[in-house]
Protein backbone atom coordinates (compact mmCIF):
# COMPACT_ATOMS: atom_id res chain seq x y z
CA UNK A 1 -37.29 -0.70 -17.85
CA UNK A 2 -34.36 -2.45 -16.09
CA UNK A 3 -33.76 -1.39 -12.69
CA UNK A 4 -30.60 -0.04 -12.45
CA UNK A 5 -28.13 -2.00 -10.09
CA UNK A 6 -26.95 -0.62 -6.80
CA UNK A 7 -23.52 -0.35 -6.00
CA UNK A 8 -22.38 0.14 -2.23
CA UNK A 9 -19.07 2.32 -1.65
CA UNK A 10 -17.51 1.79 1.94
CA UNK A 11 -14.38 4.00 2.51
CA UNK A 12 -13.83 6.44 4.93
CA UNK A 13 -12.29 9.13 2.23
CA UNK A 14 -14.74 11.48 1.12
CA UNK A 15 -12.90 12.36 -1.95
CA UNK A 16 -12.61 8.88 -2.99
CA UNK A 17 -16.10 7.96 -2.52
CA UNK A 18 -17.38 11.41 -4.45
CA UNK A 19 -15.10 10.38 -7.50
CA UNK A 20 -16.02 6.79 -7.71
CA UNK A 21 -19.91 7.78 -7.25
CA UNK A 22 -19.67 10.21 -10.15
CA UNK A 23 -18.02 7.43 -12.52
CA UNK A 24 -20.53 4.94 -11.55
CA UNK A 25 -23.69 7.08 -11.87
CA UNK A 26 -22.43 8.15 -15.32
CA UNK A 27 -22.70 4.63 -16.27
CA UNK A 28 -25.88 4.03 -14.85
CA UNK A 29 -25.71 2.49 -11.35
CA UNK A 30 -27.17 3.66 -8.56
CA UNK A 31 -24.88 4.28 -5.42
CA UNK A 32 -24.99 4.32 -1.59
CA UNK A 33 -22.14 5.14 0.58
CA UNK A 34 -21.17 4.34 4.11
CA UNK A 35 -17.84 5.55 5.76
CA UNK A 36 -17.34 3.04 8.82
CA UNK A 37 -17.80 -0.67 9.15
CA UNK A 38 -20.64 -0.50 11.43
CA UNK A 39 -22.50 2.47 9.25
CA UNK A 40 -22.13 -0.18 6.51
CA UNK A 41 -23.99 -2.92 8.47
CA UNK A 42 -26.91 -0.25 9.12
CA UNK A 43 -27.12 0.71 5.58
CA UNK A 44 -27.28 -3.15 4.38
CA UNK A 45 -30.08 -3.71 6.70
CA UNK A 46 -32.05 -1.13 4.83
CA UNK A 47 -30.89 -0.92 1.30
CA UNK A 48 -30.60 -4.09 -0.90
CA UNK A 49 -27.31 -3.77 -2.95
CA UNK A 50 -25.82 -5.56 -6.05
CA UNK A 51 -22.08 -5.10 -5.32
CA UNK A 52 -19.77 -3.62 -2.43
CA UNK A 53 -16.48 -1.62 -3.13
CA UNK A 54 -15.03 -2.28 0.16
CA UNK A 55 -12.11 -0.48 1.94
CA UNK A 56 -9.93 -2.66 4.25
CA UNK A 57 -8.96 0.22 6.77
CA UNK A 58 -12.15 1.28 7.94
CA UNK A 59 -13.06 2.75 11.42
CA UNK A 60 -15.10 0.70 14.16
CA UNK A 61 -15.00 -2.41 11.91
CA UNK A 62 -12.38 -3.12 9.20
CA UNK A 63 -13.06 -4.55 5.67
CA UNK A 64 -12.14 -8.29 6.52
CA UNK A 65 -14.34 -8.28 9.63
CA UNK A 66 -17.20 -6.68 7.75
CA UNK A 67 -16.88 -9.18 5.09
CA UNK A 68 -16.46 -12.35 7.73
CA UNK A 69 -19.82 -10.76 9.06
CA UNK A 70 -21.67 -10.66 5.88
CA UNK A 71 -20.51 -14.34 5.10
CA UNK A 72 -21.00 -15.89 8.10
CA UNK A 73 -23.56 -13.95 10.47
CA UNK A 74 -27.15 -15.39 10.43
CA UNK A 75 -28.55 -12.16 10.10
CA UNK A 76 -26.88 -11.28 6.90
CA UNK A 77 -26.03 -14.78 5.12
CA UNK A 78 -29.35 -15.27 3.69
CA UNK A 79 -28.83 -12.11 1.52
CA UNK A 80 -25.52 -11.38 1.41
CA UNK A 81 -23.63 -14.63 1.54
CA UNK A 82 -22.67 -14.34 -2.24
CA UNK A 83 -22.53 -10.37 -2.35
CA UNK A 84 -20.01 -9.63 -4.84
CA UNK A 85 -17.26 -7.79 -3.08
CA UNK A 86 -14.32 -5.91 -4.48
CA UNK A 87 -11.80 -4.48 -2.03
CA UNK A 88 -10.29 -1.04 -2.26
CA UNK A 89 -7.06 -0.30 -0.54
CA UNK A 90 -3.73 1.14 -0.44
CA UNK A 91 -2.16 -2.20 1.07
CA UNK A 92 -0.93 -4.23 -1.85
CA UNK A 93 0.29 -7.37 0.54
CA UNK A 94 0.04 -10.59 -0.83
CA UNK A 95 -1.11 -11.78 2.67
CA UNK A 96 -3.90 -9.16 2.70
CA UNK A 97 -5.04 -10.33 -1.00
CA UNK A 98 -5.21 -14.15 0.22
CA UNK A 99 -7.13 -12.98 3.16
CA UNK A 100 -9.52 -11.20 1.35
CA UNK A 101 -9.80 -14.19 -1.10
CA UNK A 102 -10.35 -16.59 1.66
CA UNK A 103 -13.17 -14.82 2.77
CA UNK A 104 -14.73 -14.57 -0.75
CA UNK A 105 -13.74 -11.50 -2.30
CA UNK A 106 -14.05 -11.09 -5.88
CA UNK A 107 -11.31 -8.74 -6.80
CA UNK A 108 -8.88 -6.67 -5.38
CA UNK A 109 -7.79 -3.11 -6.47
CA UNK A 110 -4.87 -1.26 -4.97
CA UNK A 111 -5.14 2.80 -4.55
CA UNK A 112 -4.29 4.84 -6.43
CA UNK A 113 -6.51 3.38 -9.27
CA UNK A 114 -8.20 4.67 -12.45
CA UNK A 115 -11.90 5.27 -11.69
CA UNK A 116 -12.53 4.07 -15.20
CA UNK A 117 -10.80 0.79 -14.69
CA UNK A 118 -12.82 0.37 -11.65
CA UNK A 119 -15.98 0.72 -13.25
CA UNK A 120 -14.81 -1.74 -15.84
CA UNK A 121 -14.11 -4.20 -13.24
CA UNK A 122 -17.61 -3.69 -11.34
CA UNK A 123 -19.31 -4.61 -14.77
CA UNK A 124 -16.87 -7.58 -15.12
CA UNK A 125 -17.63 -9.09 -11.60
CA UNK A 126 -21.48 -8.36 -12.09
CA UNK A 127 -21.30 -10.35 -15.39
CA UNK A 128 -19.77 -13.21 -13.79
CA UNK A 129 -22.16 -13.24 -10.82
CA UNK A 130 -25.33 -12.96 -13.05
CA UNK A 131 -24.24 -15.77 -15.64
CA UNK A 132 -23.55 -17.86 -12.61
CA UNK A 133 -26.73 -17.29 -10.78
CA UNK A 134 -28.95 -17.35 -14.21
CA UNK A 135 -27.34 -20.50 -15.70
CA UNK A 136 -29.99 -23.18 -15.88
CA UNK A 137 -28.49 -26.38 -14.55
CA UNK A 138 -29.80 -29.57 -12.90
CA UNK A 139 -28.76 -30.44 -9.43
CA UNK A 140 -25.98 -33.14 -9.12
CA UNK A 141 -25.22 -35.83 -6.73
CA UNK A 142 -21.77 -37.71 -5.84
CA UNK A 143 -22.31 -40.17 -3.22
CA UNK A 144 -23.20 -38.07 0.03
CA UNK A 145 -22.46 -34.50 -1.69
CA UNK A 146 -25.42 -32.90 -3.30
CA UNK A 147 -25.05 -29.68 -5.54
CA UNK A 148 -28.14 -27.63 -6.48
CA UNK A 149 -26.73 -24.66 -9.04
CA UNK A 150 -30.09 -22.92 -8.90
CA UNK A 151 -30.23 -22.26 -5.36
CA UNK A 152 -26.53 -22.53 -4.77
CA UNK A 153 -26.92 -24.72 -2.02
CA UNK A 154 -24.48 -27.52 -1.25
CA UNK A 155 -25.01 -30.42 1.32
CA UNK A 156 -22.95 -33.20 2.70
CA UNK A 157 -24.43 -36.18 4.05
CA UNK A 158 -27.90 -34.06 4.32
CA UNK A 159 -26.19 -31.36 6.18
CA UNK A 160 -25.58 -27.82 4.49
CA UNK A 161 -22.04 -26.74 3.57
CA UNK A 162 -21.77 -22.97 3.91
CA UNK A 163 -19.50 -21.96 0.61
CA UNK A 164 -18.43 -18.48 -0.50
CA UNK A 165 -19.65 -17.40 -3.78
CA UNK A 166 -16.17 -18.40 -5.32
CA UNK A 167 -15.70 -21.64 -3.46
CA UNK A 168 -19.26 -22.69 -4.96
CA UNK A 169 -18.48 -21.51 -8.42
CA UNK A 170 -15.05 -23.57 -8.36
CA UNK A 171 -17.02 -26.53 -6.79
CA UNK A 172 -19.58 -26.26 -9.64
CA UNK A 173 -16.98 -26.35 -12.31
CA UNK A 174 -15.21 -29.33 -10.89
CA UNK A 175 -18.60 -30.78 -10.76
CA UNK A 176 -19.52 -30.29 -14.42
CA UNK A 177 -16.03 -31.79 -15.49
CA UNK A 178 -15.80 -34.99 -13.18
CA UNK A 179 -12.39 -36.69 -14.08
CA UNK A 180 -11.23 -33.87 -16.23
CA UNK A 181 -7.81 -32.26 -15.31
CA UNK A 182 -8.09 -28.56 -15.01
CA UNK A 183 -4.84 -26.52 -14.82
CA UNK A 184 -4.68 -23.29 -12.58
CA UNK A 185 -5.19 -21.00 -15.67
CA UNK A 186 -8.23 -22.76 -16.57
CA UNK A 187 -9.91 -22.46 -13.05
CA UNK A 188 -8.74 -18.68 -13.02
CA UNK A 189 -10.37 -18.10 -16.33
CA UNK A 190 -13.83 -19.58 -15.80
CA UNK A 191 -14.13 -18.68 -11.92
CA UNK A 192 -12.42 -15.43 -11.75
CA UNK A 193 -12.44 -14.37 -15.40
CA UNK A 194 -9.84 -13.35 -18.05
CA UNK A 195 -9.54 -9.88 -16.50
CA UNK A 196 -8.18 -11.15 -12.79
CA UNK A 197 -4.86 -9.95 -12.19
CA UNK A 198 -4.22 -11.90 -9.28
CA UNK A 199 -1.99 -15.02 -9.22
CA UNK A 200 -2.52 -18.74 -8.96
CA UNK A 201 -1.78 -18.82 -5.20
CA UNK A 202 -5.48 -17.85 -5.22
CA UNK A 203 -6.54 -20.92 -6.39
CA UNK A 204 -4.32 -22.76 -3.92
CA UNK A 205 -6.22 -20.89 -1.14
CA UNK A 206 -9.57 -21.80 -2.57
CA UNK A 207 -8.95 -25.43 -2.99
CA UNK A 208 -7.84 -25.71 0.50
CA UNK A 209 -10.62 -24.20 1.86
CA UNK A 210 -12.99 -26.14 -0.17
CA UNK A 211 -11.25 -29.30 0.75
CA UNK A 212 -11.77 -28.53 4.45
CA UNK A 213 -15.43 -27.98 3.84
CA UNK A 214 -16.21 -31.11 1.99
CA UNK A 215 -13.51 -33.66 2.34
CA UNK A 216 -13.67 -36.39 4.84
CA UNK A 217 -9.99 -35.83 5.43
CA UNK A 218 -8.61 -32.83 3.74
CA UNK A 219 -5.01 -34.01 4.04
CA UNK A 220 -5.94 -37.11 2.07
CA UNK A 221 -8.50 -35.76 -0.67
CA UNK A 222 -10.86 -37.83 -2.27
CA UNK A 223 -13.21 -35.69 -4.31
CA UNK A 224 -10.72 -32.87 -5.35
CA UNK A 225 -7.46 -34.62 -6.10
CA UNK A 226 -4.08 -32.87 -7.34
CA UNK A 227 -2.57 -33.73 -10.50
CA UNK A 228 1.30 -32.90 -9.80
CA UNK A 229 2.66 -30.19 -12.19
CA UNK A 230 -0.70 -29.86 -14.15
CA UNK A 231 -3.73 -28.63 -11.89
CA UNK A 232 -6.52 -30.75 -10.14
CA UNK A 233 -9.28 -33.00 -10.90
CA UNK A 234 -12.74 -33.80 -9.42
CA UNK A 235 -13.09 -37.57 -8.87
CA UNK A 236 -16.64 -38.67 -7.84
CA UNK A 237 -17.19 -41.08 -5.07
């Protein structure tokens, strides 16, 4: 029997949590809940989860700070550096969306939303995470850059490079298609999925962050090069 996947709802609105929980449980998911940022961290220490639905405006610790802790804190990084996260918020500002994607958030849903659509997005994000983790691929090495897709580990000159889930997926896509020009639409479709409703500024943000982590000089990139008016290409050193 396949074990049900666990969805973690972190939101201080009891009614919203209750509605979302009922829809998720009807689709066979297990659900755990928290209403504050610090409570969420305590819950994650005790309960492994497969995906988190996270509000930005939380008591004690906001959603951005919570995400940053999961991605960067040694306590959580081993288990939750790649945890799929969908942000739930009443704030629809582009700045908020970009900040979330910079931290490795997978999707962004603005309140009020349809619970059925939210469940569909949960399934889509889980499918993408699963396909990325299960793909049987050989590690690739380009000069001093080494990418291991099974362990989802990147090293540069022998030192580990800490990437978010989406940054890794983006780098792995480039590495599998060296010298091939990939448009922004292709990158969004392959990394974020066809149902992603953001804009191509998401790609710009992730490319910039990736360059900062793997390029000797991010202002003069050698690995990920811009092809003006078209997109980007990966050039092996």
